Amino acid sequence: MNVGAEGKYGTIANLLPQASRFHLSDREARKIVSGMLAQMPCGQAFFERFGVREEEAERFRWSFERWRNDPDAQAVQASCA
């Protein structure tokens, strides 16, 4: 599924410009993303809590790590604090 102008590339920079497609202001989109980032799993315990099997968890783990280290994601969190 294409996310934004960069296709499937799941970065904050590719995601945020699409806010208007969902009738969200930039500020609203940033608050949603900030909330998502705050809820990102800290480890295997998160996945176990929700009954996610290891092989399924592994498919998502890299995305969470990428977002956690993304300067754009950090800027979103800072702007919503």
PDB file of N, CA and C in Angstrom:
ATOM      1  N   MET A   1       0.840  -1.163   0.000  1.00  0.00           N
ATOM      2  CA  MET A   1       0.000   0.000   0.000  1.00  0.00           C
ATOM      3  C   MET A   1       0.897   1.241   0.000  1.00  0.00           C
ATOM      4  N   ASN A   2       0.611   2.169  -0.857  1.00  0.00           N
ATOM      5  CA  ASN A   2       1.357   3.418  -0.881  1.00  0.00           C
ATOM      6  C   ASN A   2       0.925   4.288   0.289  1.00  0.00           C
ATOM      7  N   VAL A   3       1.909   4.895   0.911  1.00  0.00           N
ATOM      8  CA  VAL A   3       1.659   5.760   2.053  1.00  0.00           C
ATOM      9  C   VAL A   3       1.612   7.212   1.599  1.00  0.00           C
ATOM     10  N   GLY A   4       2.587   7.607   0.808  1.00  0.00           N
ATOM     11  CA  GLY A   4       2.679   8.991   0.356  1.00  0.00           C
ATOM     12  C   GLY A   4       3.473   9.082  -0.924  1.00  0.00           C
ATOM     13  N   ALA A   5       4.091  10.232  -1.131  1.00  0.00           N
ATOM     14  CA  ALA A   5       4.845  10.490  -2.365  1.00  0.00           C
ATOM     15  C   ALA A   5       6.020   9.524  -2.536  1.00  0.00           C
ATOM     16  N   GLU A   6       6.520   8.993  -1.433  1.00  0.00           N
ATOM     17  CA  GLU A   6       7.636   8.048  -1.482  1.00  0.00           C
ATOM     18  C   GLU A   6       7.147   6.599  -1.528  1.00  0.00           C
ATOM     19  N   GLY A   7       5.903   6.400  -1.929  1.00  0.00           N
ATOM     20  CA  GLY A   7       5.359   5.055  -2.037  1.00  0.00           C
ATOM     21  C   GLY A   7       5.149   4.395  -0.692  1.00  0.00           C
ATOM     22  N   LYS A   8       5.637   3.164  -0.559  1.00  0.00           N
ATOM     23  CA  LYS A   8       5.425   2.364   0.655  1.00  0.00           C
ATOM     24  C   LYS A   8       6.386   2.712   1.782  1.00  0.00           C
ATOM     25  N   TYR A   9       7.303   3.636   1.550  1.00  0.00           N
ATOM     26  CA  TYR A   9       8.313   3.956   2.540  1.00  0.00           C
ATOM     27  C   TYR A   9       7.646   4.525   3.789  1.00  0.00           C
ATOM     28  N   GLY A  10       7.679   3.787   4.881  1.00  0.00           N
ATOM     29  CA  GLY A  10       6.948   4.140   6.091  1.00  0.00           C
ATOM     30  C   GLY A  10       7.680   5.084   7.013  1.00  0.00           C
ATOM     31  N   THR A  11       7.907   6.294   6.552  1.00  0.00           N
ATOM     32  CA  THR A  11       8.548   7.288   7.409  1.00  0.00           C
ATOM     33  C   THR A  11       7.535   8.353   7.802  1.00  0.00           C
ATOM     34  N   ILE A  12       7.854   9.074   8.840  1.00  0.00           N
ATOM     35  CA  ILE A  12       7.000  10.176   9.276  1.00  0.00           C
ATOM     36  C   ILE A  12       6.917  11.227   8.172  1.00  0.00           C
ATOM     37  N   ALA A  13       8.049  11.498   7.534  1.00  0.00           N
ATOM     38  CA  ALA A  13       8.082  12.499   6.456  1.00  0.00           C
ATOM     39  C   ALA A  13       7.190  12.096   5.288  1.00  0.00           C
ATOM     40  N   ASN A  14       7.022  10.811   5.050  1.00  0.00           N
ATOM     41  CA  ASN A  14       6.157  10.336   3.977  1.00  0.00           C
ATOM     42  C   ASN A  14       4.697  10.287   4.433  1.00  0.00           C
ATOM     43  N   LEU A  15       4.475  10.120   5.712  1.00  0.00           N
ATOM     44  CA  LEU A  15       3.131   9.966   6.257  1.00  0.00           C
ATOM     45  C   LEU A  15       2.419  11.301   6.497  1.00  0.00           C
ATOM     46  N   LEU A  16       3.067  12.229   7.171  1.00  0.00           N
ATOM     47  CA  LEU A  16       2.399  13.466   7.588  1.00  0.00           C
ATOM     48  C   LEU A  16       1.792  14.286   6.449  1.00  0.00           C
ATOM     49  N   PRO A  17       2.443  14.404   5.298  1.00  0.00           N
ATOM     50  CA  PRO A  17       1.823  15.204   4.225  1.00  0.00           C
ATOM     51  C   PRO A  17       0.488  14.641   3.723  1.00  0.00           C
ATOM     52  N   GLN A  18       0.150  13.430   4.122  1.00  0.00           N
ATOM     53  CA  GLN A  18      -1.100  12.814   3.679  1.00  0.00           C
ATOM     54  C   GLN A  18      -2.267  13.102   4.623  1.00  0.00           C
ATOM     55  N   ALA A  19      -2.051  13.885   5.655  1.00  0.00           N
ATOM     56  CA  ALA A  19      -3.083  14.141   6.670  1.00  0.00           C
ATOM     57  C   ALA A  19      -4.380  14.654   6.053  1.00  0.00           C
ATOM     58  N   SER A  20      -4.271  15.531   5.085  1.00  0.00           N
ATOM     59  CA  SER A  20      -5.488  16.113   4.502  1.00  0.00           C
ATOM     60  C   SER A  20      -6.357  15.064   3.805  1.00  0.00           C
ATOM     61  N   ARG A  21      -5.752  13.989   3.343  1.00  0.00           N
ATOM     62  CA  ARG A  21      -6.537  12.901   2.726  1.00  0.00           C
ATOM     63  C   ARG A  21      -7.520  12.303   3.727  1.00  0.00           C
ATOM     64  N   PHE A  22      -7.214  12.454   5.001  1.00  0.00           N
ATOM     65  CA  PHE A  22      -8.049  11.906   6.063  1.00  0.00           C
ATOM     66  C   PHE A  22      -8.760  13.009   6.838  1.00  0.00           C
ATOM     67  N   HIS A  23      -8.826  14.195   6.218  1.00  0.00           N
ATOM     68  CA  HIS A  23      -9.504  15.357   6.801  1.00  0.00           C
ATOM     69  C   HIS A  23      -8.929  15.736   8.157  1.00  0.00           C
ATOM     70  N   LEU A  24      -7.605  15.648   8.253  1.00  0.00           N
ATOM     71  CA  LEU A  24      -6.900  16.040   9.467  1.00  0.00           C
ATOM     72  C   LEU A  24      -6.019  17.242   9.181  1.00  0.00           C
ATOM     73  N   SER A  25      -5.919  18.123  10.145  1.00  0.00           N
ATOM     74  CA  SER A  25      -4.954  19.216  10.034  1.00  0.00           C
ATOM     75  C   SER A  25      -3.571  18.635  10.329  1.00  0.00           C
ATOM     76  N   ASP A  26      -2.555  19.398  10.009  1.00  0.00           N
ATOM     77  CA  ASP A  26      -1.194  18.952  10.318  1.00  0.00           C
ATOM     78  C   ASP A  26      -1.042  18.742  11.820  1.00  0.00           C
ATOM     79  N   ARG A  27      -1.593  19.643  12.600  1.00  0.00           N
ATOM     80  CA  ARG A  27      -1.492  19.539  14.070  1.00  0.00           C
ATOM     81  C   ARG A  27      -2.187  18.274  14.575  1.00  0.00           C
ATOM     82  N   GLU A  28      -3.379  17.987  14.042  1.00  0.00           N
ATOM     83  CA  GLU A  28      -4.096  16.777  14.462  1.00  0.00           C
ATOM     84  C   GLU A  28      -3.308  15.516  14.107  1.00  0.00           C
ATOM     85  N   ALA A  29      -2.752  15.497  12.899  1.00  0.00           N
ATOM     86  CA  ALA A  29      -1.970  14.339  12.461  1.00  0.00           C
ATOM     87  C   ALA A  29      -0.744  14.153  13.349  1.00  0.00           C
ATOM     88  N   ARG A  30      -0.087  15.247  13.682  1.00  0.00           N
ATOM     89  CA  ARG A  30       1.093  15.165  14.544  1.00  0.00           C
ATOM     90  C   ARG A  30       0.730  14.630  15.931  1.00  0.00           C
ATOM     91  N   LYS A  31      -0.412  15.036  16.463  1.00  0.00           N
ATOM     92  CA  LYS A  31      -0.834  14.530  17.765  1.00  0.00           C
ATOM     93  C   LYS A  31      -1.116  13.031  17.707  1.00  0.00           C
ATOM     94  N   ILE A  32      -1.725  12.573  16.623  1.00  0.00           N
ATOM     95  CA  ILE A  32      -2.000  11.142  16.465  1.00  0.00           C
ATOM     96  C   ILE A  32      -0.693  10.366  16.374  1.00  0.00           C
ATOM     97  N   VAL A  33       0.220  10.853  15.533  1.00  0.00           N
ATOM     98  CA  VAL A  33       1.513  10.180  15.386  1.00  0.00           C
ATOM     99  C   VAL A  33       2.265  10.173  16.709  1.00  0.00           C
ATOM    100  N   SER A  34       2.237  11.285  17.418  1.00  0.00           N
ATOM    101  CA  SER A  34       2.910  11.359  18.712  1.00  0.00           C
ATOM    102  C   SER A  34       2.334  10.328  19.678  1.00  0.00           C
ATOM    103  N   GLY A  35       1.022  10.188  19.685  1.00  0.00           N
ATOM    104  CA  GLY A  35       0.379   9.193  20.528  1.00  0.00           C
ATOM    105  C   GLY A  35       0.776   7.773  20.155  1.00  0.00           C
ATOM    106  N   MET A  36       0.873   7.514  18.860  1.00  0.00           N
ATOM    107  CA  MET A  36       1.301   6.200  18.397  1.00  0.00           C
ATOM    108  C   MET A  36       2.725   5.913  18.843  1.00  0.00           C
ATOM    109  N   LEU A  37       3.590   6.897  18.676  1.00  0.00           N
ATOM    110  CA  LEU A  37       4.989   6.724  19.062  1.00  0.00           C
ATOM    111  C   LEU A  37       5.116   6.455  20.556  1.00  0.00           C
ATOM    112  N   ALA A  38       4.288   7.118  21.344  1.00  0.00           N
ATOM    113  CA  ALA A  38       4.334   6.923  22.797  1.00  0.00           C
ATOM    114  C   ALA A  38       3.893   5.519  23.192  1.00  0.00           C
ATOM    115  N   GLN A  39       3.088   4.887  22.357  1.00  0.00           N
ATOM    116  CA  GLN A  39       2.578   3.547  22.667  1.00  0.00           C
ATOM    117  C   GLN A  39       3.395   2.425  22.041  1.00  0.00           C
ATOM    118  N   MET A  40       4.455   2.779  21.325  1.00  0.00           N
ATOM    119  CA  MET A  40       5.252   1.751  20.664  1.00  0.00           C
ATOM    120  C   MET A  40       5.821   0.785  21.684  1.00  0.00           C
ATOM    121  N   PRO A  41       5.899  -0.472  21.309  1.00  0.00           N
ATOM    122  CA  PRO A  41       6.389  -1.471  22.248  1.00  0.00           C
ATOM    123  C   PRO A  41       7.839  -1.255  22.630  1.00  0.00           C
ATOM    124  N   CYS A  42       8.145  -1.581  23.857  1.00  0.00           N
ATOM    125  CA  CYS A  42       9.509  -1.477  24.352  1.00  0.00           C
ATOM    126  C   CYS A  42      10.228  -2.808  24.282  1.00  0.00           C
ATOM    127  N   GLY A  43       9.537  -3.843  23.891  1.00  0.00           N
ATOM    128  CA  GLY A  43      10.170  -5.150  23.822  1.00  0.00           C
ATOM    129  C   GLY A  43       9.157  -6.254  23.631  1.00  0.00           C
ATOM    130  N   GLN A  44       9.626  -7.461  23.750  1.00  0.00           N
ATOM    131  CA  GLN A  44       8.801  -8.637  23.527  1.00  0.00           C
ATOM    132  C   GLN A  44       7.596  -8.683  24.461  1.00  0.00           C
ATOM    133  N   ALA A  45       7.716  -8.132  25.640  1.00  0.00           N
ATOM    134  CA  ALA A  45       6.612  -8.163  26.603  1.00  0.00           C
ATOM    135  C   ALA A  45       5.354  -7.511  26.033  1.00  0.00           C
ATOM    136  N   PHE A  46       5.518  -6.463  25.257  1.00  0.00           N
ATOM    137  CA  PHE A  46       4.378  -5.795  24.632  1.00  0.00           C
ATOM    138  C   PHE A  46       3.619  -6.777  23.752  1.00  0.00           C
ATOM    139  N   PHE A  47       4.334  -7.480  22.894  1.00  0.00           N
ATOM    140  CA  PHE A  47       3.698  -8.420  21.981  1.00  0.00           C
ATOM    141  C   PHE A  47       3.073  -9.588  22.741  1.00  0.00           C
ATOM    142  N   GLU A  48       3.759 -10.079  23.741  1.00  0.00           N
ATOM    143  CA  GLU A  48       3.229 -11.187  24.533  1.00  0.00           C
ATOM    144  C   GLU A  48       1.941 -10.790  25.238  1.00  0.00           C
ATOM    145  N   ARG A  49       1.890  -9.557  25.711  1.00  0.00           N
ATOM    146  CA  ARG A  49       0.698  -9.058  26.411  1.00  0.00           C
ATOM    147  C   ARG A  49      -0.547  -9.173  25.546  1.00  0.00           C
ATOM    148  N   PHE A  50      -0.380  -8.984  24.241  1.00  0.00           N
ATOM    149  CA  PHE A  50      -1.513  -9.025  23.325  1.00  0.00           C
ATOM    150  C   PHE A  50      -1.594 -10.329  22.539  1.00  0.00           C
ATOM    151  N   GLY A  51      -0.814 -11.312  22.928  1.00  0.00           N
ATOM    152  CA  GLY A  51      -0.888 -12.623  22.311  1.00  0.00           C
ATOM    153  C   GLY A  51      -0.350 -12.701  20.892  1.00  0.00           C
ATOM    154  N   VAL A  52       0.569 -11.815  20.548  1.00  0.00           N
ATOM    155  CA  VAL A  52       1.156 -11.816  19.204  1.00  0.00           C
ATOM    156  C   VAL A  52       2.278 -12.846  19.165  1.00  0.00           C
ATOM    157  N   ARG A  53       2.193 -13.744  18.211  1.00  0.00           N
ATOM    158  CA  ARG A  53       3.227 -14.777  18.077  1.00  0.00           C
ATOM    159  C   ARG A  53       4.554 -14.138  17.656  1.00  0.00           C
ATOM    160  N   GLU A  54       5.647 -14.793  18.036  1.00  0.00           N
ATOM    161  CA  GLU A  54       7.000 -14.283  17.781  1.00  0.00           C
ATOM    162  C   GLU A  54       7.223 -13.962  16.310  1.00  0.00           C
ATOM    163  N   GLU A  55       6.828 -14.850  15.415  1.00  0.00           N
ATOM    164  CA  GLU A  55       7.069 -14.603  13.976  1.00  0.00           C
ATOM    165  C   GLU A  55       6.287 -13.390  13.470  1.00  0.00           C
ATOM    166  N   GLU A  56       5.111 -13.150  14.035  1.00  0.00           N
ATOM    167  CA  GLU A  56       4.354 -11.957  13.656  1.00  0.00           C
ATOM    168  C   GLU A  56       4.986 -10.706  14.248  1.00  0.00           C
ATOM    169  N   ALA A  57       5.415 -10.803  15.490  1.00  0.00           N
ATOM    170  CA  ALA A  57       6.041  -9.662  16.167  1.00  0.00           C
ATOM    171  C   ALA A  57       7.293  -9.213  15.421  1.00  0.00           C
ATOM    172  N   GLU A  58       8.045 -10.162  14.931  1.00  0.00           N
ATOM    173  CA  GLU A  58       9.287  -9.835  14.226  1.00  0.00           C
ATOM    174  C   GLU A  58       9.025  -8.991  12.983  1.00  0.00           C
ATOM    175  N   ARG A  59       7.886  -9.188  12.334  1.00  0.00           N
ATOM    176  CA  ARG A  59       7.555  -8.400  11.145  1.00  0.00           C
ATOM    177  C   ARG A  59       7.361  -6.930  11.477  1.00  0.00           C
ATOM    178  N   PHE A  60       6.930  -6.638  12.687  1.00  0.00           N
ATOM    179  CA  PHE A  60       6.663  -5.256  13.078  1.00  0.00           C
ATOM    180  C   PHE A  60       7.811  -4.603  13.829  1.00  0.00           C
ATOM    181  N   ARG A  61       8.620  -5.406  14.474  1.00  0.00           N
ATOM    182  CA  ARG A  61       9.671  -4.875  15.346  1.00  0.00           C
ATOM    183  C   ARG A  61      10.590  -3.894  14.626  1.00  0.00           C
ATOM    184  N   TRP A  62      10.992  -4.204  13.398  1.00  0.00           N
ATOM    185  CA  TRP A  62      11.908  -3.320  12.668  1.00  0.00           C
ATOM    186  C   TRP A  62      11.271  -1.964  12.403  1.00  0.00           C
ATOM    187  N   SER A  63       9.959  -1.936  12.143  1.00  0.00           N
ATOM    188  CA  SER A  63       9.281  -0.662  11.894  1.00  0.00           C
ATOM    189  C   SER A  63       9.313   0.213  13.133  1.00  0.00           C
ATOM    190  N   PHE A  64       9.033  -0.393  14.286  1.00  0.00           N
ATOM    191  CA  PHE A  64       9.037   0.377  15.523  1.00  0.00           C
ATOM    192  C   PHE A  64      10.420   0.943  15.813  1.00  0.00           C
ATOM    193  N   GLU A  65      11.440   0.150  15.590  1.00  0.00           N
ATOM    194  CA  GLU A  65      12.801   0.618  15.827  1.00  0.00           C
ATOM    195  C   GLU A  65      13.163   1.754  14.877  1.00  0.00           C
ATOM    196  N   ARG A  66      12.744   1.635  13.629  1.00  0.00           N
ATOM    197  CA  ARG A  66      13.023   2.685  12.646  1.00  0.00           C
ATOM    198  C   ARG A  66      12.371   3.992  13.078  1.00  0.00           C
ATOM    199  N   TRP A  67      11.115   3.921  13.478  1.00  0.00           N
ATOM    200  CA  TRP A  67      10.408   5.136  13.889  1.00  0.00           C
ATOM    201  C   TRP A  67      11.020   5.710  15.151  1.00  0.00           C
ATOM    202  N   ARG A  68      11.416   4.876  16.086  1.00  0.00           N
ATOM    203  CA  ARG A  68      11.990   5.351  17.346  1.00  0.00           C
ATOM    204  C   ARG A  68      13.256   6.175  17.094  1.00  0.00           C
ATOM    205  N   ASN A  69      13.993   5.820  16.044  1.00  0.00           N
ATOM    206  CA  ASN A  69      15.254   6.496  15.734  1.00  0.00           C
ATOM    207  C   ASN A  69      15.130   7.537  14.627  1.00  0.00           C
ATOM    208  N   ASP A  70      13.934   7.790  14.141  1.00  0.00           N
ATOM    209  CA  ASP A  70      13.700   8.729  13.040  1.00  0.00           C
ATOM    210  C   ASP A  70      13.683  10.165  13.585  1.00  0.00           C
ATOM    211  N   PRO A  71      14.576  11.037  13.108  1.00  0.00           N
ATOM    212  CA  PRO A  71      14.589  12.421  13.591  1.00  0.00           C
ATOM    213  C   PRO A  71      13.247  13.136  13.395  1.00  0.00           C
ATOM    214  N   ASP A  72      12.541  12.804  12.309  1.00  0.00           N
ATOM    215  CA  ASP A  72      11.222  13.417  12.090  1.00  0.00           C
ATOM    216  C   ASP A  72      10.231  12.984  13.173  1.00  0.00           C
ATOM    217  N   ALA A  73      10.308  11.721  13.574  1.00  0.00           N
ATOM    218  CA  ALA A  73       9.434  11.219  14.637  1.00  0.00           C
ATOM    219  C   ALA A  73       9.764  11.916  15.949  1.00  0.00           C
ATOM    220  N   GLN A  74      11.034  12.097  16.236  1.00  0.00           N
ATOM    221  CA  GLN A  74      11.439  12.778  17.458  1.00  0.00           C
ATOM    222  C   GLN A  74      10.958  14.224  17.451  1.00  0.00           C
ATOM    223  N   ALA A  75      10.990  14.873  16.287  1.00  0.00           N
ATOM    224  CA  ALA A  75      10.522  16.252  16.176  1.00  0.00           C
ATOM    225  C   ALA A  75       9.011  16.335  16.404  1.00  0.00           C
ATOM    226  N   VAL A  76       8.279  15.349  15.906  1.00  0.00           N
ATOM    227  CA  VAL A  76       6.825  15.322  16.132  1.00  0.00           C
ATOM    228  C   VAL A  76       6.532  15.205  17.606  1.00  0.00           C
ATOM    229  N   GLN A  77       7.219  14.300  18.283  1.00  0.00           N
ATOM    230  CA  GLN A  77       6.995  14.131  19.716  1.00  0.00           C
ATOM    231  C   GLN A  77       7.319  15.415  20.479  1.00  0.00           C
ATOM    232  N   ALA A  78       8.401  16.060  20.110  1.00  0.00           N
ATOM    233  CA  ALA A  78       8.799  17.306  20.784  1.00  0.00           C
ATOM    234  C   ALA A  78       7.777  18.411  20.558  1.00  0.00           C
ATOM    235  N   SER A  79       7.205  18.458  19.349  1.00  0.00           N
ATOM    236  CA  SER A  79       6.250  19.536  19.036  1.00  0.00           C
ATOM    237  C   SER A  79       4.912  19.335  19.714  1.00  0.00           C
ATOM    238  N   CYS A  80       4.619  18.124  20.159  1.00  0.00           N
ATOM    239  CA  CYS A  80       3.341  17.839  20.811  1.00  0.00           C
ATOM    240  C   CYS A  80       3.449  17.747  22.329  1.00  0.00           C
ATOM    241  N   ALA A  81       4.655  17.909  22.821  1.00  0.00           N
ATOM    242  CA  ALA A  81       4.858  17.776  24.275  1.00  0.00           C
ATOM    243  C   ALA A  81       4.311  18.975  25.023  1.00  0.00           C
TER     244      ALA A  81
END
